[in-house]
Amino acid sequence: MAELSPVIKNRKASYDYHLMQSYTAGVVLTGTEVKSLRNGEANISDAVCQLENEELFIRNMYIKELDQASYFNHDPRRARKLLLNRNEIKKISVKLKEKGTTLIPVQVFFNENGFVKIEIALAKGKKTFDKREDVKKRDIEREMRRSE
């Protein structure tokens, strides 16, 4: 592909969670959803992945409705099915049974074949003191770069 497709990132993910293990999943979308994603009109900061009947779904992912689609448009916050192989889903379900572990989307991107992929990660929530330490480290690194 000649042009660069947009990457939609969840910037709050690494701030709010310790990211442990990540997976790349395909996603079932309609045509208008793909066109909106190509325009970069989506938000995954509030999205959550859930396991139901050995299938993985992403909920509360916002994809803006396409203006040109008329009545063929999609629901912006509908649940979308994620595509992983059975072994990966079993590994994820075992990890999700641990206390405090959740599955969150990290980024949405287009692969080299033009398919929409979602990077999801198993994560544990950070405490407030962990977040403060991260901010301190980031500030120190910024000061080090300025002084060079």
N, C-alpha and C. Protein backbone atom coordinates (compact mmCIF):
# COMPACT_ATOMS: atom_id res chain seq x y z
N MET A 1 0.83 -1.18 0.00
CA MET A 1 0.00 0.00 0.00
C MET A 1 0.88 1.24 0.00
N ALA A 2 0.55 2.18 -0.84
CA ALA A 2 1.37 3.38 -0.99
C ALA A 2 1.14 4.37 0.16
N GLU A 3 -0.12 4.66 0.48
CA GLU A 3 -0.37 5.65 1.52
C GLU A 3 -0.35 4.99 2.90
N LEU A 4 -0.07 5.80 3.91
CA LEU A 4 -0.02 5.31 5.27
C LEU A 4 -1.43 5.33 5.86
N SER A 5 -1.87 4.20 6.37
CA SER A 5 -3.18 4.14 6.99
C SER A 5 -3.07 4.58 8.45
N PRO A 6 -4.10 5.18 9.00
CA PRO A 6 -4.02 5.68 10.37
C PRO A 6 -3.97 4.54 11.40
N VAL A 7 -3.29 4.81 12.49
CA VAL A 7 -3.25 3.89 13.62
C VAL A 7 -3.98 4.58 14.77
N ILE A 8 -5.01 3.91 15.31
CA ILE A 8 -5.76 4.47 16.42
C ILE A 8 -5.21 3.82 17.68
N LYS A 9 -4.70 4.63 18.61
CA LYS A 9 -4.06 4.11 19.81
C LYS A 9 -4.88 4.43 21.05
N ASN A 10 -4.75 3.56 22.05
CA ASN A 10 -5.34 3.76 23.36
C ASN A 10 -4.24 4.29 24.26
N ARG A 11 -4.14 5.61 24.37
CA ARG A 11 -3.04 6.22 25.12
C ARG A 11 -3.17 6.00 26.63
N LYS A 12 -4.39 5.78 27.11
CA LYS A 12 -4.59 5.57 28.54
C LYS A 12 -4.17 4.17 28.98
N ALA A 13 -4.00 3.26 28.03
CA ALA A 13 -3.74 1.86 28.38
C ALA A 13 -2.47 1.69 29.20
N SER A 14 -1.35 2.22 28.72
CA SER A 14 -0.10 2.01 29.45
C SER A 14 -0.04 2.85 30.73
N TYR A 15 -0.84 3.90 30.82
CA TYR A 15 -0.88 4.71 32.03
C TYR A 15 -1.71 4.04 33.12
N ASP A 16 -2.85 3.46 32.75
CA ASP A 16 -3.76 2.86 33.73
C ASP A 16 -3.48 1.40 34.04
N TYR A 17 -2.73 0.70 33.18
CA TYR A 17 -2.55 -0.74 33.33
C TYR A 17 -1.09 -1.15 33.15
N HIS A 18 -0.73 -2.27 33.81
CA HIS A 18 0.51 -2.96 33.51
C HIS A 18 0.18 -3.93 32.37
N LEU A 19 0.74 -3.72 31.19
CA LEU A 19 0.44 -4.58 30.05
C LEU A 19 1.35 -5.80 30.12
N MET A 20 0.74 -7.01 30.16
CA MET A 20 1.52 -8.22 30.35
C MET A 20 1.81 -8.95 29.04
N GLN A 21 0.78 -9.32 28.32
CA GLN A 21 0.97 -10.08 27.09
C GLN A 21 0.02 -9.55 26.04
N SER A 22 0.51 -9.40 24.80
CA SER A 22 -0.35 -8.84 23.77
C SER A 22 -0.60 -9.85 22.65
N TYR A 23 -1.73 -9.68 22.00
CA TYR A 23 -2.15 -10.52 20.89
C TYR A 23 -2.63 -9.61 19.76
N THR A 24 -2.53 -10.08 18.53
CA THR A 24 -3.08 -9.36 17.39
C THR A 24 -4.27 -10.14 16.88
N ALA A 25 -5.42 -9.48 16.82
CA ALA A 25 -6.67 -10.14 16.43
C ALA A 25 -7.27 -9.44 15.23
N GLY A 26 -7.93 -10.22 14.39
CA GLY A 26 -8.74 -9.65 13.33
C GLY A 26 -10.06 -9.22 13.93
N VAL A 27 -10.85 -8.48 13.18
CA VAL A 27 -12.13 -8.01 13.69
C VAL A 27 -13.16 -8.05 12.57
N VAL A 28 -14.40 -8.42 12.92
CA VAL A 28 -15.49 -8.50 11.95
C VAL A 28 -16.14 -7.12 11.86
N LEU A 29 -16.04 -6.50 10.67
CA LEU A 29 -16.57 -5.16 10.46
C LEU A 29 -17.45 -5.10 9.22
N THR A 30 -18.27 -4.05 9.14
CA THR A 30 -19.03 -3.78 7.92
C THR A 30 -18.22 -2.82 7.06
N GLY A 31 -18.66 -2.61 5.83
CA GLY A 31 -17.93 -1.74 4.90
C GLY A 31 -17.83 -0.31 5.36
N THR A 32 -18.91 0.23 5.94
CA THR A 32 -18.87 1.62 6.38
C THR A 32 -17.94 1.80 7.57
N GLU A 33 -17.80 0.77 8.40
CA GLU A 33 -16.88 0.84 9.54
C GLU A 33 -15.44 0.89 9.05
N VAL A 34 -15.12 0.12 8.02
CA VAL A 34 -13.76 0.11 7.48
C VAL A 34 -13.42 1.47 6.88
N LYS A 35 -14.38 2.07 6.17
CA LYS A 35 -14.15 3.38 5.57
C LYS A 35 -13.92 4.44 6.65
N SER A 36 -14.67 4.38 7.74
CA SER A 36 -14.47 5.33 8.83
C SER A 36 -13.11 5.13 9.48
N LEU A 37 -12.68 3.87 9.63
CA LEU A 37 -11.37 3.59 10.21
C LEU A 37 -10.26 4.11 9.30
N ARG A 38 -10.43 4.00 7.99
CA ARG A 38 -9.42 4.53 7.06
C ARG A 38 -9.29 6.04 7.18
N ASN A 39 -10.39 6.70 7.56
CA ASN A 39 -10.36 8.15 7.79
C ASN A 39 -9.82 8.49 9.18
N GLY A 40 -9.58 7.47 10.02
CA GLY A 40 -9.06 7.69 11.37
C GLY A 40 -10.11 8.15 12.35
N GLU A 41 -11.37 7.86 12.08
CA GLU A 41 -12.47 8.35 12.92
C GLU A 41 -12.96 7.25 13.85
N ALA A 42 -12.15 6.94 14.87
CA ALA A 42 -12.51 5.92 15.84
C ALA A 42 -11.86 6.25 17.18
N ASN A 43 -12.37 5.61 18.23
CA ASN A 43 -11.84 5.81 19.57
C ASN A 43 -11.94 4.50 20.34
N ILE A 44 -10.82 4.07 20.93
CA ILE A 44 -10.83 2.82 21.69
C ILE A 44 -10.46 3.04 23.16
N SER A 45 -10.43 4.28 23.61
CA SER A 45 -10.00 4.54 24.98
C SER A 45 -10.99 4.00 26.02
N ASP A 46 -12.26 3.89 25.69
CA ASP A 46 -13.26 3.36 26.63
C ASP A 46 -13.60 1.90 26.34
N ALA A 47 -12.98 1.30 25.34
CA ALA A 47 -13.35 -0.05 24.91
C ALA A 47 -12.79 -1.12 25.85
N VAL A 48 -13.51 -2.25 25.89
CA VAL A 48 -13.15 -3.39 26.71
C VAL A 48 -13.42 -4.66 25.92
N CYS A 49 -12.58 -5.67 26.09
CA CYS A 49 -12.79 -6.96 25.44
C CYS A 49 -13.41 -7.92 26.43
N GLN A 50 -14.38 -8.72 25.96
CA GLN A 50 -15.06 -9.68 26.82
C GLN A 50 -15.13 -11.03 26.16
N LEU A 51 -15.07 -12.06 26.96
CA LEU A 51 -15.14 -13.44 26.49
C LEU A 51 -16.56 -13.97 26.76
N GLU A 52 -17.25 -14.42 25.69
CA GLU A 52 -18.59 -14.98 25.82
C GLU A 52 -18.68 -16.24 24.98
N ASN A 53 -19.04 -17.34 25.61
CA ASN A 53 -19.21 -18.61 24.90
C ASN A 53 -18.01 -18.95 24.01
N GLU A 54 -16.81 -18.82 24.57
CA GLU A 54 -15.56 -19.11 23.87
C GLU A 54 -15.38 -18.26 22.61
N GLU A 55 -15.97 -17.07 22.60
CA GLU A 55 -15.77 -16.09 21.53
C GLU A 55 -15.39 -14.78 22.19
N LEU A 56 -14.57 -14.01 21.50
CA LEU A 56 -14.08 -12.75 22.04
C LEU A 56 -14.76 -11.59 21.34
N PHE A 57 -15.26 -10.61 22.12
CA PHE A 57 -15.94 -9.44 21.58
C PHE A 57 -15.31 -8.18 22.14
N ILE A 58 -15.30 -7.12 21.33
CA ILE A 58 -14.88 -5.81 21.81
C ILE A 58 -16.12 -4.96 21.94
N ARG A 59 -16.29 -4.36 23.11
CA ARG A 59 -17.47 -3.57 23.39
C ARG A 59 -17.07 -2.11 23.63
N ASN A 60 -17.98 -1.22 23.32
CA ASN A 60 -17.82 0.22 23.56
C ASN A 60 -16.70 0.85 22.72
N MET A 61 -16.34 0.21 21.62
CA MET A 61 -15.39 0.81 20.69
C MET A 61 -16.19 1.73 19.77
N TYR A 62 -15.80 3.00 19.70
CA TYR A 62 -16.55 3.97 18.91
C TYR A 62 -15.95 4.10 17.52
N ILE A 63 -16.76 3.84 16.50
CA ILE A 63 -16.39 4.09 15.11
C ILE A 63 -17.46 5.03 14.55
N LYS A 64 -17.03 6.22 14.14
CA LYS A 64 -17.97 7.24 13.68
C LYS A 64 -18.76 6.75 12.47
N GLU A 65 -20.04 7.14 12.42
CA GLU A 65 -20.87 6.80 11.26
C GLU A 65 -20.35 7.54 10.04
N LEU A 66 -20.44 6.90 8.89
CA LEU A 66 -19.99 7.51 7.65
C LEU A 66 -21.07 8.44 7.12
N ASP A 67 -20.69 9.65 6.75
CA ASP A 67 -21.67 10.65 6.31
C ASP A 67 -22.36 10.25 5.01
N GLN A 68 -21.65 9.60 4.10
CA GLN A 68 -22.19 9.27 2.77
C GLN A 68 -23.00 7.97 2.75
N ALA A 69 -23.17 7.29 3.88
CA ALA A 69 -23.73 5.93 3.87
C ALA A 69 -25.25 5.86 3.89
N SER A 70 -25.96 6.92 4.15
CA SER A 70 -27.42 6.97 4.25
C SER A 70 -27.96 5.90 5.20
N TYR A 71 -28.90 5.08 4.78
CA TYR A 71 -29.51 4.11 5.69
C TYR A 71 -28.70 2.81 5.81
N PHE A 72 -27.58 2.68 5.11
CA PHE A 72 -26.73 1.50 5.23
C PHE A 72 -25.72 1.64 6.37
N ASN A 73 -25.84 2.69 7.16
CA ASN A 73 -24.85 2.98 8.19
C ASN A 73 -24.86 1.97 9.32
N HIS A 74 -23.83 2.00 10.14
CA HIS A 74 -23.66 1.07 11.25
C HIS A 74 -23.94 1.76 12.58
N ASP A 75 -24.13 0.96 13.62
CA ASP A 75 -24.26 1.48 14.97
C ASP A 75 -22.85 1.78 15.50
N PRO A 76 -22.57 3.03 15.93
CA PRO A 76 -21.19 3.41 16.29
C PRO A 76 -20.59 2.62 17.45
N ARG A 77 -21.39 2.12 18.38
CA ARG A 77 -20.84 1.44 19.56
C ARG A 77 -21.27 -0.03 19.67
N ARG A 78 -21.56 -0.66 18.56
CA ARG A 78 -22.01 -2.05 18.62
C ARG A 78 -20.86 -2.98 19.04
N ALA A 79 -21.21 -4.17 19.53
CA ALA A 79 -20.20 -5.16 19.90
C ALA A 79 -19.67 -5.80 18.62
N ARG A 80 -18.34 -5.90 18.53
CA ARG A 80 -17.72 -6.46 17.33
C ARG A 80 -16.92 -7.69 17.72
N LYS A 81 -17.04 -8.73 16.90
CA LYS A 81 -16.37 -9.99 17.19
C LYS A 81 -14.88 -9.91 16.82
N LEU A 82 -14.02 -10.41 17.71
CA LEU A 82 -12.59 -10.47 17.44
C LEU A 82 -12.23 -11.87 16.99
N LEU A 83 -11.31 -11.97 16.05
CA LEU A 83 -10.94 -13.24 15.46
C LEU A 83 -9.55 -13.67 15.93
N LEU A 84 -9.52 -14.70 16.76
CA LEU A 84 -8.29 -15.33 17.21
C LEU A 84 -8.45 -16.82 17.06
N ASN A 85 -7.33 -17.56 17.03
CA ASN A 85 -7.50 -19.00 16.95
C ASN A 85 -7.88 -19.57 18.32
N ARG A 86 -8.40 -20.77 18.31
CA ARG A 86 -8.98 -21.38 19.51
C ARG A 86 -7.96 -21.49 20.65
N ASN A 87 -6.70 -21.83 20.32
CA ASN A 87 -5.69 -21.99 21.37
C ASN A 87 -5.41 -20.67 22.08
N GLU A 88 -5.36 -19.58 21.32
CA GLU A 88 -5.13 -18.28 21.93
C GLU A 88 -6.29 -17.88 22.84
N ILE A 89 -7.51 -18.16 22.40
CA ILE A 89 -8.68 -17.84 23.21
C ILE A 89 -8.67 -18.64 24.51
N LYS A 90 -8.26 -19.91 24.46
CA LYS A 90 -8.18 -20.72 25.67
C LYS A 90 -7.13 -20.17 26.64
N LYS A 91 -5.97 -19.76 26.11
CA LYS A 91 -4.93 -19.16 26.96
C LYS A 91 -5.44 -17.89 27.63
N ILE A 92 -6.14 -17.07 26.85
CA ILE A 92 -6.67 -15.81 27.38
C ILE A 92 -7.71 -16.09 28.46
N SER A 93 -8.59 -17.08 28.23
CA SER A 93 -9.64 -17.36 29.21
C SER A 93 -9.06 -17.84 30.54
N VAL A 94 -7.96 -18.60 30.49
CA VAL A 94 -7.31 -19.04 31.72
C VAL A 94 -6.73 -17.85 32.47
N LYS A 95 -6.08 -16.94 31.74
CA LYS A 95 -5.47 -15.76 32.37
C LYS A 95 -6.54 -14.82 32.92
N LEU A 96 -7.70 -14.71 32.25
CA LEU A 96 -8.75 -13.80 32.70
C LEU A 96 -9.39 -14.25 34.01
N LYS A 97 -9.25 -15.53 34.35
CA LYS A 97 -9.82 -16.03 35.61
C LYS A 97 -9.01 -15.58 36.82
N GLU A 98 -7.76 -15.12 36.59
CA GLU A 98 -6.96 -14.58 37.68
C GLU A 98 -7.57 -13.26 38.13
N LYS A 99 -7.48 -13.00 39.43
CA LYS A 99 -8.07 -11.77 39.97
C LYS A 99 -7.32 -10.55 39.48
N GLY A 100 -8.08 -9.54 39.04
CA GLY A 100 -7.50 -8.27 38.63
C GLY A 100 -7.00 -8.22 37.20
N THR A 101 -7.15 -9.28 36.44
CA THR A 101 -6.68 -9.31 35.06
C THR A 101 -7.84 -8.97 34.12
N THR A 102 -7.55 -8.13 33.15
CA THR A 102 -8.55 -7.74 32.16
C THR A 102 -7.92 -7.74 30.78
N LEU A 103 -8.74 -7.62 29.77
CA LEU A 103 -8.28 -7.62 28.39
C LEU A 103 -8.69 -6.30 27.76
N ILE A 104 -7.69 -5.51 27.32
CA ILE A 104 -7.99 -4.19 26.79
C ILE A 104 -7.37 -4.03 25.40
N PRO A 105 -8.02 -3.24 24.54
CA PRO A 105 -7.42 -2.95 23.23
C PRO A 105 -6.34 -1.89 23.37
N VAL A 106 -5.22 -2.08 22.66
CA VAL A 106 -4.11 -1.15 22.72
C VAL A 106 -4.08 -0.26 21.48
N GLN A 107 -4.27 -0.89 20.31
CA GLN A 107 -4.28 -0.09 19.08
C GLN A 107 -5.03 -0.81 17.97
N VAL A 108 -5.53 -0.03 17.02
CA VAL A 108 -6.19 -0.53 15.82
C VAL A 108 -5.36 -0.07 14.63
N PHE A 109 -5.05 -1.00 13.72
CA PHE A 109 -4.22 -0.65 12.58
C PHE A 109 -4.60 -1.51 11.38
N PHE A 110 -4.05 -1.16 10.22
CA PHE A 110 -4.23 -1.95 9.00
C PHE A 110 -2.93 -2.70 8.75
N ASN A 111 -3.03 -4.02 8.49
CA ASN A 111 -1.80 -4.77 8.21
C ASN A 111 -1.39 -4.57 6.75
N GLU A 112 -0.31 -5.22 6.33
CA GLU A 112 0.22 -5.01 4.98
C GLU A 112 -0.75 -5.46 3.88
N ASN A 113 -1.70 -6.35 4.21
CA ASN A 113 -2.69 -6.79 3.23
C ASN A 113 -3.93 -5.91 3.22
N GLY A 114 -3.99 -4.90 4.09
CA GLY A 114 -5.12 -3.99 4.12
C GLY A 114 -6.24 -4.42 5.05
N PHE A 115 -6.02 -5.46 5.87
CA PHE A 115 -7.04 -5.90 6.82
C PHE A 115 -6.92 -5.14 8.12
N VAL A 116 -8.06 -4.90 8.78
CA VAL A 116 -8.07 -4.21 10.06
C VAL A 116 -7.68 -5.21 11.14
N LYS A 117 -6.71 -4.83 11.97
CA LYS A 117 -6.26 -5.66 13.09
C LYS A 117 -6.33 -4.84 14.36
N ILE A 118 -6.58 -5.53 15.48
CA ILE A 118 -6.60 -4.89 16.78
C ILE A 118 -5.57 -5.58 17.66
N GLU A 119 -4.69 -4.79 18.26
CA GLU A 119 -3.74 -5.34 19.22
C GLU A 119 -4.40 -5.25 20.58
N ILE A 120 -4.59 -6.41 21.22
CA ILE A 120 -5.20 -6.46 22.55
C ILE A 120 -4.14 -6.96 23.53
N ALA A 121 -4.29 -6.60 24.79
CA ALA A 121 -3.29 -7.00 25.79
C ALA A 121 -3.97 -7.42 27.08
N LEU A 122 -3.40 -8.46 27.70
CA LEU A 122 -3.81 -8.83 29.04
C LEU A 122 -3.17 -7.82 29.97
N ALA A 123 -3.95 -7.28 30.90
CA ALA A 123 -3.45 -6.19 31.73
C ALA A 123 -3.95 -6.31 33.16
N LYS A 124 -3.16 -5.73 34.07
CA LYS A 124 -3.58 -5.59 35.46
C LYS A 124 -3.58 -4.11 35.78
N GLY A 125 -4.56 -3.66 36.53
CA GLY A 125 -4.69 -2.25 36.86
C GLY A 125 -3.55 -1.75 37.74
N LYS A 126 -3.14 -0.51 37.50
CA LYS A 126 -2.09 0.10 38.32
C LYS A 126 -2.72 0.81 39.51
N LYS A 127 -1.97 0.87 40.58
CA LYS A 127 -2.37 1.66 41.75
C LYS A 127 -1.94 3.11 41.50
N THR A 128 -2.44 4.02 42.30
CA THR A 128 -2.12 5.44 42.08
C THR A 128 -0.64 5.73 42.30
N PHE A 129 0.03 5.03 43.24
CA PHE A 129 1.45 5.30 43.44
C PHE A 129 2.27 4.82 42.25
N ASP A 130 1.83 3.77 41.56
CA ASP A 130 2.52 3.32 40.35
C ASP A 130 2.42 4.38 39.26
N LYS A 131 1.24 4.99 39.15
CA LYS A 131 1.03 6.03 38.14
C LYS A 131 1.92 7.24 38.43
N ARG A 132 2.02 7.61 39.73
CA ARG A 132 2.87 8.74 40.09
C ARG A 132 4.33 8.47 39.76
N GLU A 133 4.78 7.23 39.99
CA GLU A 133 6.17 6.88 39.66
C GLU A 133 6.42 6.98 38.16
N ASP A 134 5.44 6.54 37.35
CA ASP A 134 5.59 6.64 35.90
C ASP A 134 5.71 8.10 35.46
N VAL A 135 4.92 8.97 36.07
CA VAL A 135 4.97 10.39 35.72
C VAL A 135 6.34 10.96 36.11
N LYS A 136 6.85 10.59 37.29
CA LYS A 136 8.17 11.07 37.72
C LYS A 136 9.25 10.62 36.75
N LYS A 137 9.22 9.34 36.35
CA LYS A 137 10.22 8.82 35.41
C LYS A 137 10.17 9.57 34.08
N ARG A 138 8.97 9.83 33.60
CA ARG A 138 8.80 10.53 32.33
C ARG A 138 9.34 11.96 32.43
N ASP A 139 9.08 12.62 33.57
CA ASP A 139 9.58 13.98 33.76
C ASP A 139 11.10 14.00 33.84
N ILE A 140 11.69 13.04 34.51
CA ILE A 140 13.16 12.97 34.62
C ILE A 140 13.78 12.74 33.25
N GLU A 141 13.20 11.82 32.46
CA GLU A 141 13.73 11.56 31.12
C GLU A 141 13.61 12.81 30.24
N ARG A 142 12.53 13.55 30.35
CA ARG A 142 12.34 14.76 29.57
C ARG A 142 13.40 15.80 29.95
N GLU A 143 13.67 15.95 31.24
CA GLU A 143 14.70 16.89 31.70
C GLU A 143 16.08 16.48 31.22
N MET A 144 16.36 15.18 31.20
CA MET A 144 17.66 14.68 30.72
C MET A 144 17.84 15.02 29.25
N ARG A 145 16.78 14.86 28.46
CA ARG A 145 16.87 15.17 27.03
C ARG A 145 17.06 16.67 26.80
N ARG A 146 16.43 17.50 27.61
CA ARG A 146 16.55 18.95 27.47
C ARG A 146 17.96 19.41 27.80
N SER A 147 18.58 18.79 28.81
CA SER A 147 19.90 19.24 29.26
C SER A 147 21.03 18.80 28.31
N GLU A 148 20.76 17.85 27.45
CA GLU A 148 21.80 17.36 26.52
C GLU A 148 22.10 18.33 25.41
